[in-house]
Amino acid sequence: MIDLLSHWWVWLCAALAIAILELLMPGYIFLGIAVGAAVMALLVALLGPFAAPTLVALFAGVSLVAWLVLRRLFRAPDDQTRYFDEDINK
């Protein structure tokens, strides 16, 4: 089972599945993980297979960096929380 991590198409399928999960539950939480899996597919395709612990560590690092970059890109202006004093449905 661990041998599957050394195939690029497994990482690409994981990226697509996680991206679909992001579409079903929006919030930009799974998008960074999907980007991390897509980058891992590219790395495995170009550089060849690595050991499973190395792949998992790289995936975690790339996903964290992608999530932090996306969080900075999609944050609210001036990083302020919006407050409503009255009902917005009126």
PDB file of N, CA and C in Angstrom:
ATOM      1  N   MET A   1       0.819  -1.197   0.000  1.00  0.00           N
ATOM      2  CA  MET A   1       0.000   0.000   0.000  1.00  0.00           C
ATOM      3  C   MET A   1       0.865   1.264   0.000  1.00  0.00           C
ATOM      4  N   ILE A   2       1.958   1.219   0.766  1.00  0.00           N
ATOM      5  CA  ILE A   2       2.847   2.375   0.814  1.00  0.00           C
ATOM      6  C   ILE A   2       3.517   2.582  -0.535  1.00  0.00           C
ATOM      7  N   ASP A   3       3.671   1.520  -1.302  1.00  0.00           N
ATOM      8  CA  ASP A   3       4.297   1.611  -2.620  1.00  0.00           C
ATOM      9  C   ASP A   3       3.486   2.495  -3.570  1.00  0.00           C
ATOM     10  N   LEU A   4       2.208   2.657  -3.316  1.00  0.00           N
ATOM     11  CA  LEU A   4       1.375   3.502  -4.172  1.00  0.00           C
ATOM     12  C   LEU A   4       1.791   4.967  -4.116  1.00  0.00           C
ATOM     13  N   LEU A   5       2.402   5.393  -3.018  1.00  0.00           N
ATOM     14  CA  LEU A   5       2.801   6.791  -2.889  1.00  0.00           C
ATOM     15  C   LEU A   5       3.887   7.186  -3.881  1.00  0.00           C
ATOM     16  N   SER A   6       4.570   6.218  -4.456  1.00  0.00           N
ATOM     17  CA  SER A   6       5.653   6.533  -5.390  1.00  0.00           C
ATOM     18  C   SER A   6       5.167   6.677  -6.830  1.00  0.00           C
ATOM     19  N   HIS A   7       3.872   6.628  -7.061  1.00  0.00           N
ATOM     20  CA  HIS A   7       3.305   6.812  -8.398  1.00  0.00           C
ATOM     21  C   HIS A   7       2.693   8.208  -8.496  1.00  0.00           C
ATOM     22  N   TRP A   8       3.000   8.911  -9.572  1.00  0.00           N
ATOM     23  CA  TRP A   8       2.522  10.281  -9.719  1.00  0.00           C
ATOM     24  C   TRP A   8       1.012  10.345  -9.877  1.00  0.00           C
ATOM     25  N   TRP A   9       0.423   9.352 -10.523  1.00  0.00           N
ATOM     26  CA  TRP A   9      -1.017   9.391 -10.778  1.00  0.00           C
ATOM     27  C   TRP A   9      -1.826   9.237  -9.490  1.00  0.00           C
ATOM     28  N   VAL A  10      -1.255   8.589  -8.477  1.00  0.00           N
ATOM     29  CA  VAL A  10      -1.953   8.479  -7.189  1.00  0.00           C
ATOM     30  C   VAL A  10      -2.059   9.858  -6.546  1.00  0.00           C
ATOM     31  N   TRP A  11      -0.968  10.626  -6.619  1.00  0.00           N
ATOM     32  CA  TRP A  11      -0.988  11.981  -6.059  1.00  0.00           C
ATOM     33  C   TRP A  11      -1.952  12.873  -6.836  1.00  0.00           C
ATOM     34  N   LEU A  12      -2.006  12.706  -8.153  1.00  0.00           N
ATOM     35  CA  LEU A  12      -2.916  13.510  -8.961  1.00  0.00           C
ATOM     36  C   LEU A  12      -4.374  13.169  -8.660  1.00  0.00           C
ATOM     37  N   CYS A  13      -4.680  11.889  -8.499  1.00  0.00           N
ATOM     38  CA  CYS A  13      -6.042  11.480  -8.121  1.00  0.00           C
ATOM     39  C   CYS A  13      -6.408  12.019  -6.743  1.00  0.00           C
ATOM     40  N   ALA A  14      -5.451  11.997  -5.826  1.00  0.00           N
ATOM     41  CA  ALA A  14      -5.700  12.547  -4.492  1.00  0.00           C
ATOM     42  C   ALA A  14      -5.953  14.051  -4.573  1.00  0.00           C
ATOM     43  N   ALA A  15      -5.195  14.748  -5.417  1.00  0.00           N
ATOM     44  CA  ALA A  15      -5.396  16.189  -5.584  1.00  0.00           C
ATOM     45  C   ALA A  15      -6.787  16.485  -6.129  1.00  0.00           C
ATOM     46  N   LEU A  16      -7.224  15.715  -7.107  1.00  0.00           N
ATOM     47  CA  LEU A  16      -8.564  15.925  -7.672  1.00  0.00           C
ATOM     48  C   LEU A  16      -9.658  15.612  -6.659  1.00  0.00           C
ATOM     49  N   ALA A  17      -9.489  14.542  -5.897  1.00  0.00           N
ATOM     50  CA  ALA A  17     -10.491  14.183  -4.885  1.00  0.00           C
ATOM     51  C   ALA A  17     -10.574  15.249  -3.799  1.00  0.00           C
ATOM     52  N   ILE A  18      -9.441  15.768  -3.378  1.00  0.00           N
ATOM     53  CA  ILE A  18      -9.441  16.796  -2.332  1.00  0.00           C
ATOM     54  C   ILE A  18      -9.990  18.107  -2.882  1.00  0.00           C
ATOM     55  N   ALA A  19      -9.720  18.414  -4.152  1.00  0.00           N
ATOM     56  CA  ALA A  19     -10.289  19.617  -4.762  1.00  0.00           C
ATOM     57  C   ALA A  19     -11.810  19.512  -4.861  1.00  0.00           C
ATOM     58  N   ILE A  20     -12.317  18.339  -5.180  1.00  0.00           N
ATOM     59  CA  ILE A  20     -13.772  18.137  -5.199  1.00  0.00           C
ATOM     60  C   ILE A  20     -14.340  18.291  -3.796  1.00  0.00           C
ATOM     61  N   LEU A  21     -13.630  17.803  -2.813  1.00  0.00           N
ATOM     62  CA  LEU A  21     -14.050  17.977  -1.419  1.00  0.00           C
ATOM     63  C   LEU A  21     -14.110  19.456  -1.056  1.00  0.00           C
ATOM     64  N   GLU A  22     -13.176  20.246  -1.559  1.00  0.00           N
ATOM     65  CA  GLU A  22     -13.189  21.693  -1.324  1.00  0.00           C
ATOM     66  C   GLU A  22     -14.410  22.338  -1.972  1.00  0.00           C
ATOM     67  N   LEU A  23     -14.809  21.850  -3.140  1.00  0.00           N
ATOM     68  CA  LEU A  23     -16.003  22.389  -3.790  1.00  0.00           C
ATOM     69  C   LEU A  23     -17.264  22.088  -2.993  1.00  0.00           C
ATOM     70  N   LEU A  24     -17.305  20.921  -2.362  1.00  0.00           N
ATOM     71  CA  LEU A  24     -18.480  20.539  -1.586  1.00  0.00           C
ATOM     72  C   LEU A  24     -18.529  21.237  -0.236  1.00  0.00           C
ATOM     73  N   MET A  25     -17.366  21.514   0.335  1.00  0.00           N
ATOM     74  CA  MET A  25     -17.289  22.180   1.639  1.00  0.00           C
ATOM     75  C   MET A  25     -16.350  23.379   1.529  1.00  0.00           C
ATOM     76  N   PRO A  26     -16.819  24.495   0.943  1.00  0.00           N
ATOM     77  CA  PRO A  26     -15.926  25.625   0.716  1.00  0.00           C
ATOM     78  C   PRO A  26     -15.451  26.253   2.020  1.00  0.00           C
ATOM     79  N   GLY A  27     -14.309  26.836   1.948  1.00  0.00           N
ATOM     80  CA  GLY A  27     -13.738  27.498   3.099  1.00  0.00           C
ATOM     81  C   GLY A  27     -12.239  27.628   2.965  1.00  0.00           C
ATOM     82  N   TYR A  28     -11.693  27.223   1.827  1.00  0.00           N
ATOM     83  CA  TYR A  28     -10.265  27.287   1.532  1.00  0.00           C
ATOM     84  C   TYR A  28      -9.424  26.473   2.503  1.00  0.00           C
ATOM     85  N   ILE A  29      -9.983  25.465   3.117  1.00  0.00           N
ATOM     86  CA  ILE A  29      -9.213  24.606   4.015  1.00  0.00           C
ATOM     87  C   ILE A  29      -8.565  23.484   3.221  1.00  0.00           C
ATOM     88  N   PHE A  30      -9.312  22.845   2.355  1.00  0.00           N
ATOM     89  CA  PHE A  30      -8.793  21.711   1.599  1.00  0.00           C
ATOM     90  C   PHE A  30      -8.046  22.132   0.335  1.00  0.00           C
ATOM     91  N   LEU A  31      -8.156  23.388  -0.059  1.00  0.00           N
ATOM     92  CA  LEU A  31      -7.521  23.836  -1.292  1.00  0.00           C
ATOM     93  C   LEU A  31      -5.999  23.769  -1.200  1.00  0.00           C
ATOM     94  N   GLY A  32      -5.436  24.150  -0.075  1.00  0.00           N
ATOM     95  CA  GLY A  32      -3.991  24.063   0.107  1.00  0.00           C
ATOM     96  C   GLY A  32      -3.494  22.633   0.082  1.00  0.00           C
ATOM     97  N   ILE A  33      -4.282  21.732   0.636  1.00  0.00           N
ATOM     98  CA  ILE A  33      -3.913  20.316   0.630  1.00  0.00           C
ATOM     99  C   ILE A  33      -3.985  19.763  -0.796  1.00  0.00           C
ATOM    100  N   ALA A  34      -4.988  20.199  -1.558  1.00  0.00           N
ATOM    101  CA  ALA A  34      -5.099  19.765  -2.955  1.00  0.00           C
ATOM    102  C   ALA A  34      -3.927  20.281  -3.780  1.00  0.00           C
ATOM    103  N   VAL A  35      -3.530  21.519  -3.541  1.00  0.00           N
ATOM    104  CA  VAL A  35      -2.367  22.071  -4.244  1.00  0.00           C
ATOM    105  C   VAL A  35      -1.113  21.296  -3.859  1.00  0.00           C
ATOM    106  N   GLY A  36      -0.990  20.954  -2.580  1.00  0.00           N
ATOM    107  CA  GLY A  36       0.155  20.160  -2.132  1.00  0.00           C
ATOM    108  C   GLY A  36       0.217  18.806  -2.814  1.00  0.00           C
ATOM    109  N   ALA A  37      -0.918  18.155  -2.974  1.00  0.00           N
ATOM    110  CA  ALA A  37      -0.944  16.856  -3.652  1.00  0.00           C
ATOM    111  C   ALA A  37      -0.616  17.002  -5.135  1.00  0.00           C
ATOM    112  N   ALA A  38      -1.072  18.087  -5.758  1.00  0.00           N
ATOM    113  CA  ALA A  38      -0.752  18.314  -7.171  1.00  0.00           C
ATOM    114  C   ALA A  38       0.744  18.577  -7.358  1.00  0.00           C
ATOM    115  N   VAL A  39       1.337  19.333  -6.453  1.00  0.00           N
ATOM    116  CA  VAL A  39       2.783  19.573  -6.516  1.00  0.00           C
ATOM    117  C   VAL A  39       3.543  18.270  -6.300  1.00  0.00           C
ATOM    118  N   MET A  40       3.050  17.429  -5.409  1.00  0.00           N
ATOM    119  CA  MET A  40       3.698  16.134  -5.183  1.00  0.00           C
ATOM    120  C   MET A  40       3.613  15.256  -6.430  1.00  0.00           C
ATOM    121  N   ALA A  41       2.503  15.318  -7.153  1.00  0.00           N
ATOM    122  CA  ALA A  41       2.392  14.562  -8.406  1.00  0.00           C
ATOM    123  C   ALA A  41       3.452  15.028  -9.397  1.00  0.00           C
ATOM    124  N   LEU A  42       3.647  16.330  -9.458  1.00  0.00           N
ATOM    125  CA  LEU A  42       4.661  16.878 -10.350  1.00  0.00           C
ATOM    126  C   LEU A  42       6.072  16.472  -9.914  1.00  0.00           C
ATOM    127  N   LEU A  43       6.352  16.539  -8.616  1.00  0.00           N
ATOM    128  CA  LEU A  43       7.674  16.155  -8.108  1.00  0.00           C
ATOM    129  C   LEU A  43       7.976  14.681  -8.353  1.00  0.00           C
ATOM    130  N   VAL A  44       6.999  13.828  -8.088  1.00  0.00           N
ATOM    131  CA  VAL A  44       7.216  12.393  -8.281  1.00  0.00           C
ATOM    132  C   VAL A  44       7.368  12.073  -9.768  1.00  0.00           C
ATOM    133  N   ALA A  45       6.620  12.766 -10.619  1.00  0.00           N
ATOM    134  CA  ALA A  45       6.730  12.516 -12.058  1.00  0.00           C
ATOM    135  C   ALA A  45       8.082  12.971 -12.607  1.00  0.00           C
ATOM    136  N   LEU A  46       8.588  14.093 -12.110  1.00  0.00           N
ATOM    137  CA  LEU A  46       9.838  14.632 -12.645  1.00  0.00           C
ATOM    138  C   LEU A  46      11.082  14.050 -11.992  1.00  0.00           C
ATOM    139  N   LEU A  47      11.045  13.850 -10.678  1.00  0.00           N
ATOM    140  CA  LEU A  47      12.243  13.437  -9.949  1.00  0.00           C
ATOM    141  C   LEU A  47      12.286  11.956  -9.625  1.00  0.00           C
ATOM    142  N   GLY A  48      11.216  11.262  -9.852  1.00  0.00           N
ATOM    143  CA  GLY A  48      11.195   9.831  -9.571  1.00  0.00           C
ATOM    144  C   GLY A  48      10.712   9.531  -8.165  1.00  0.00           C
ATOM    145  N   PRO A  49      10.658   8.259  -7.830  1.00  0.00           N
ATOM    146  CA  PRO A  49      10.117   7.865  -6.524  1.00  0.00           C
ATOM    147  C   PRO A  49      11.079   8.171  -5.374  1.00  0.00           C
ATOM    148  N   PHE A  50      10.501   8.451  -4.234  1.00  0.00           N
ATOM    149  CA  PHE A  50      11.234   8.660  -2.990  1.00  0.00           C
ATOM    150  C   PHE A  50      10.748   7.627  -1.987  1.00  0.00           C
ATOM    151  N   ALA A  51      11.369   7.590  -0.835  1.00  0.00           N
ATOM    152  CA  ALA A  51      10.892   6.734   0.249  1.00  0.00           C
ATOM    153  C   ALA A  51       9.577   7.301   0.779  1.00  0.00           C
ATOM    154  N   ALA A  52       8.729   6.447   1.311  1.00  0.00           N
ATOM    155  CA  ALA A  52       7.404   6.862   1.783  1.00  0.00           C
ATOM    156  C   ALA A  52       7.476   7.940   2.866  1.00  0.00           C
ATOM    157  N   PRO A  53       8.341   7.829   3.886  1.00  0.00           N
ATOM    158  CA  PRO A  53       8.403   8.904   4.883  1.00  0.00           C
ATOM    159  C   PRO A  53       8.826  10.247   4.285  1.00  0.00           C
ATOM    160  N   THR A  54       9.702  10.202   3.301  1.00  0.00           N
ATOM    161  CA  THR A  54      10.118  11.436   2.629  1.00  0.00           C
ATOM    162  C   THR A  54       8.956  12.047   1.863  1.00  0.00           C
ATOM    163  N   LEU A  55       8.186  11.224   1.184  1.00  0.00           N
ATOM    164  CA  LEU A  55       7.030  11.719   0.437  1.00  0.00           C
ATOM    165  C   LEU A  55       5.993  12.350   1.355  1.00  0.00           C
ATOM    166  N   VAL A  56       5.736  11.708   2.478  1.00  0.00           N
ATOM    167  CA  VAL A  56       4.743  12.237   3.418  1.00  0.00           C
ATOM    168  C   VAL A  56       5.230  13.550   4.019  1.00  0.00           C
ATOM    169  N   ALA A  57       6.519  13.632   4.360  1.00  0.00           N
ATOM    170  CA  ALA A  57       7.067  14.871   4.918  1.00  0.00           C
ATOM    171  C   ALA A  57       7.038  16.000   3.888  1.00  0.00           C
ATOM    172  N   LEU A  58       7.403  15.694   2.650  1.00  0.00           N
ATOM    173  CA  LEU A  58       7.330  16.700   1.588  1.00  0.00           C
ATOM    174  C   LEU A  58       5.896  17.163   1.356  1.00  0.00           C
ATOM    175  N   PHE A  59       4.969  16.223   1.348  1.00  0.00           N
ATOM    176  CA  PHE A  59       3.555  16.561   1.161  1.00  0.00           C
ATOM    177  C   PHE A  59       3.062  17.480   2.271  1.00  0.00           C
ATOM    178  N   ALA A  60       3.430  17.181   3.500  1.00  0.00           N
ATOM    179  CA  ALA A  60       3.011  18.023   4.623  1.00  0.00           C
ATOM    180  C   ALA A  60       3.595  19.422   4.499  1.00  0.00           C
ATOM    181  N   GLY A  61       4.860  19.514   4.150  1.00  0.00           N
ATOM    182  CA  GLY A  61       5.496  20.824   4.017  1.00  0.00           C
ATOM    183  C   GLY A  61       4.935  21.640   2.873  1.00  0.00           C
ATOM    184  N   VAL A  62       4.775  21.011   1.724  1.00  0.00           N
ATOM    185  CA  VAL A  62       4.239  21.721   0.555  1.00  0.00           C
ATOM    186  C   VAL A  62       2.792  22.139   0.803  1.00  0.00           C
ATOM    187  N   SER A  63       2.008  21.292   1.436  1.00  0.00           N
ATOM    188  CA  SER A  63       0.613  21.628   1.729  1.00  0.00           C
ATOM    189  C   SER A  63       0.522  22.789   2.706  1.00  0.00           C
ATOM    190  N   LEU A  64       1.390  22.806   3.702  1.00  0.00           N
ATOM    191  CA  LEU A  64       1.390  23.906   4.667  1.00  0.00           C
ATOM    192  C   LEU A  64       1.747  25.220   3.992  1.00  0.00           C
ATOM    193  N   VAL A  65       2.773  25.211   3.163  1.00  0.00           N
ATOM    194  CA  VAL A  65       3.168  26.431   2.455  1.00  0.00           C
ATOM    195  C   VAL A  65       2.051  26.888   1.518  1.00  0.00           C
ATOM    196  N   ALA A  66       1.441  25.971   0.793  1.00  0.00           N
ATOM    197  CA  ALA A  66       0.343  26.327  -0.115  1.00  0.00           C
ATOM    198  C   ALA A  66      -0.843  26.883   0.658  1.00  0.00           C
ATOM    199  N   TRP A  67      -1.157  26.287   1.807  1.00  0.00           N
ATOM    200  CA  TRP A  67      -2.280  26.766   2.609  1.00  0.00           C
ATOM    201  C   TRP A  67      -2.007  28.172   3.135  1.00  0.00           C
ATOM    202  N   LEU A  68      -0.776  28.429   3.586  1.00  0.00           N
ATOM    203  CA  LEU A  68      -0.431  29.758   4.094  1.00  0.00           C
ATOM    204  C   LEU A  68      -0.477  30.811   2.986  1.00  0.00           C
ATOM    205  N   VAL A  69      -0.004  30.466   1.800  1.00  0.00           N
ATOM    206  CA  VAL A  69      -0.053  31.403   0.675  1.00  0.00           C
ATOM    207  C   VAL A  69      -1.498  31.686   0.285  1.00  0.00           C
ATOM    208  N   LEU A  70      -2.325  30.660   0.193  1.00  0.00           N
ATOM    209  CA  LEU A  70      -3.735  30.861  -0.156  1.00  0.00           C
ATOM    210  C   LEU A  70      -4.473  31.639   0.922  1.00  0.00           C
ATOM    211  N   ARG A  71      -4.115  31.413   2.170  1.00  0.00           N
ATOM    212  CA  ARG A  71      -4.753  32.160   3.260  1.00  0.00           C
ATOM    213  C   ARG A  71      -4.429  33.645   3.141  1.00  0.00           C
ATOM    214  N   ARG A  72      -3.192  33.953   2.787  1.00  0.00           N
ATOM    215  CA  ARG A  72      -2.809  35.354   2.621  1.00  0.00           C
ATOM    216  C   ARG A  72      -3.511  35.969   1.406  1.00  0.00           C
ATOM    217  N   LEU A  73      -3.671  35.197   0.341  1.00  0.00           N
ATOM    218  CA  LEU A  73      -4.321  35.713  -0.864  1.00  0.00           C
ATOM    219  C   LEU A  73      -5.816  35.953  -0.675  1.00  0.00           C
ATOM    220  N   PHE A  74      -6.493  35.076   0.066  1.00  0.00           N
ATOM    221  CA  PHE A  74      -7.946  35.137   0.177  1.00  0.00           C
ATOM    222  C   PHE A  74      -8.446  35.733   1.484  1.00  0.00           C
ATOM    223  N   ARG A  75      -7.584  36.353   2.266  1.00  0.00           N
ATOM    224  CA  ARG A  75      -8.038  36.921   3.540  1.00  0.00           C
ATOM    225  C   ARG A  75      -8.844  38.191   3.298  1.00  0.00           C
ATOM    226  N   ALA A  76      -9.564  38.597   4.335  1.00  0.00           N
ATOM    227  CA  ALA A  76     -10.369  39.808   4.250  1.00  0.00           C
ATOM    228  C   ALA A  76      -9.440  41.023   4.187  1.00  0.00           C
ATOM    229  N   PRO A  77      -9.868  42.091   3.530  1.00  0.00           N
ATOM    230  CA  PRO A  77      -9.033  43.298   3.484  1.00  0.00           C
ATOM    231  C   PRO A  77      -8.747  43.810   4.894  1.00  0.00           C
ATOM    232  N   ASP A  78      -7.517  44.174   5.127  1.00  0.00           N
ATOM    233  CA  ASP A  78      -7.060  44.678   6.424  1.00  0.00           C
ATOM    234  C   ASP A  78      -7.243  43.667   7.535  1.00  0.00           C
ATOM    235  N   ASP A  79      -7.539  42.412   7.189  1.00  0.00           N
ATOM    236  CA  ASP A  79      -7.678  41.327   8.160  1.00  0.00           C
ATOM    237  C   ASP A  79      -8.640  41.686   9.295  1.00  0.00           C
ATOM    238  N   GLN A  80      -9.754  42.318   8.935  1.00  0.00           N
ATOM    239  CA  GLN A  80     -10.744  42.724   9.929  1.00  0.00           C
ATOM    240  C   GLN A  80     -11.965  41.824   9.840  1.00  0.00           C
ATOM    241  N   THR A  81     -12.577  41.607  10.972  1.00  0.00           N
ATOM    242  CA  THR A  81     -13.810  40.839  11.039  1.00  0.00           C
ATOM    243  C   THR A  81     -14.983  41.776  10.805  1.00  0.00           C
ATOM    244  N   ARG A  82     -15.968  41.320  10.042  1.00  0.00           N
ATOM    245  CA  ARG A  82     -17.147  42.142   9.779  1.00  0.00           C
ATOM    246  C   ARG A  82     -18.189  41.892  10.861  1.00  0.00           C
ATOM    247  N   TYR A  83     -18.713  42.967  11.414  1.00  0.00           N
ATOM    248  CA  TYR A  83     -19.757  42.897  12.431  1.00  0.00           C
ATOM    249  C   TYR A  83     -21.021  43.545  11.886  1.00  0.00           C
ATOM    250  N   PHE A  84     -22.171  42.958  12.220  1.00  0.00           N
ATOM    251  CA  PHE A  84     -23.453  43.494  11.803  1.00  0.00           C
ATOM    252  C   PHE A  84     -24.238  43.877  13.049  1.00  0.00           C
ATOM    253  N   ASP A  85     -24.716  45.131  13.084  1.00  0.00           N
ATOM    254  CA  ASP A  85     -25.485  45.615  14.228  1.00  0.00           C
ATOM    255  C   ASP A  85     -26.976  45.373  14.057  1.00  0.00           C
ATOM    256  N   GLU A  86     -27.407  45.159  12.838  1.00  0.00           N
ATOM    257  CA  GLU A  86     -28.828  44.934  12.597  1.00  0.00           C
ATOM    258  C   GLU A  86     -28.985  43.749  11.655  1.00  0.00           C
ATOM    259  N   ASP A  87     -30.215  43.327  11.483  1.00  0.00           N
ATOM    260  CA  ASP A  87     -30.507  42.187  10.623  1.00  0.00           C
ATOM    261  C   ASP A  87     -30.204  42.548   9.173  1.00  0.00           C
ATOM    262  N   ILE A  88     -29.423  41.745   8.510  1.00  0.00           N
ATOM    263  CA  ILE A  88     -29.049  42.060   7.132  1.00  0.00           C
ATOM    264  C   ILE A  88     -30.139  41.676   6.135  1.00  0.00           C
ATOM    265  N   ASN A  89     -31.189  41.019   6.590  1.00  0.00           N
ATOM    266  CA  ASN A  89     -32.265  40.586   5.700  1.00  0.00           C
ATOM    267  C   ASN A  89     -33.386  41.605   5.581  1.00  0.00           C
ATOM    268  N   LYS A  90     -33.279  42.731   6.243  1.00  0.00           N
ATOM    269  CA  LYS A  90     -34.344  43.741   6.180  1.00  0.00           C
ATOM    270  C   LYS A  90     -34.336  44.471   4.876  1.00  0.00           C
TER     271      LYS A  90
END
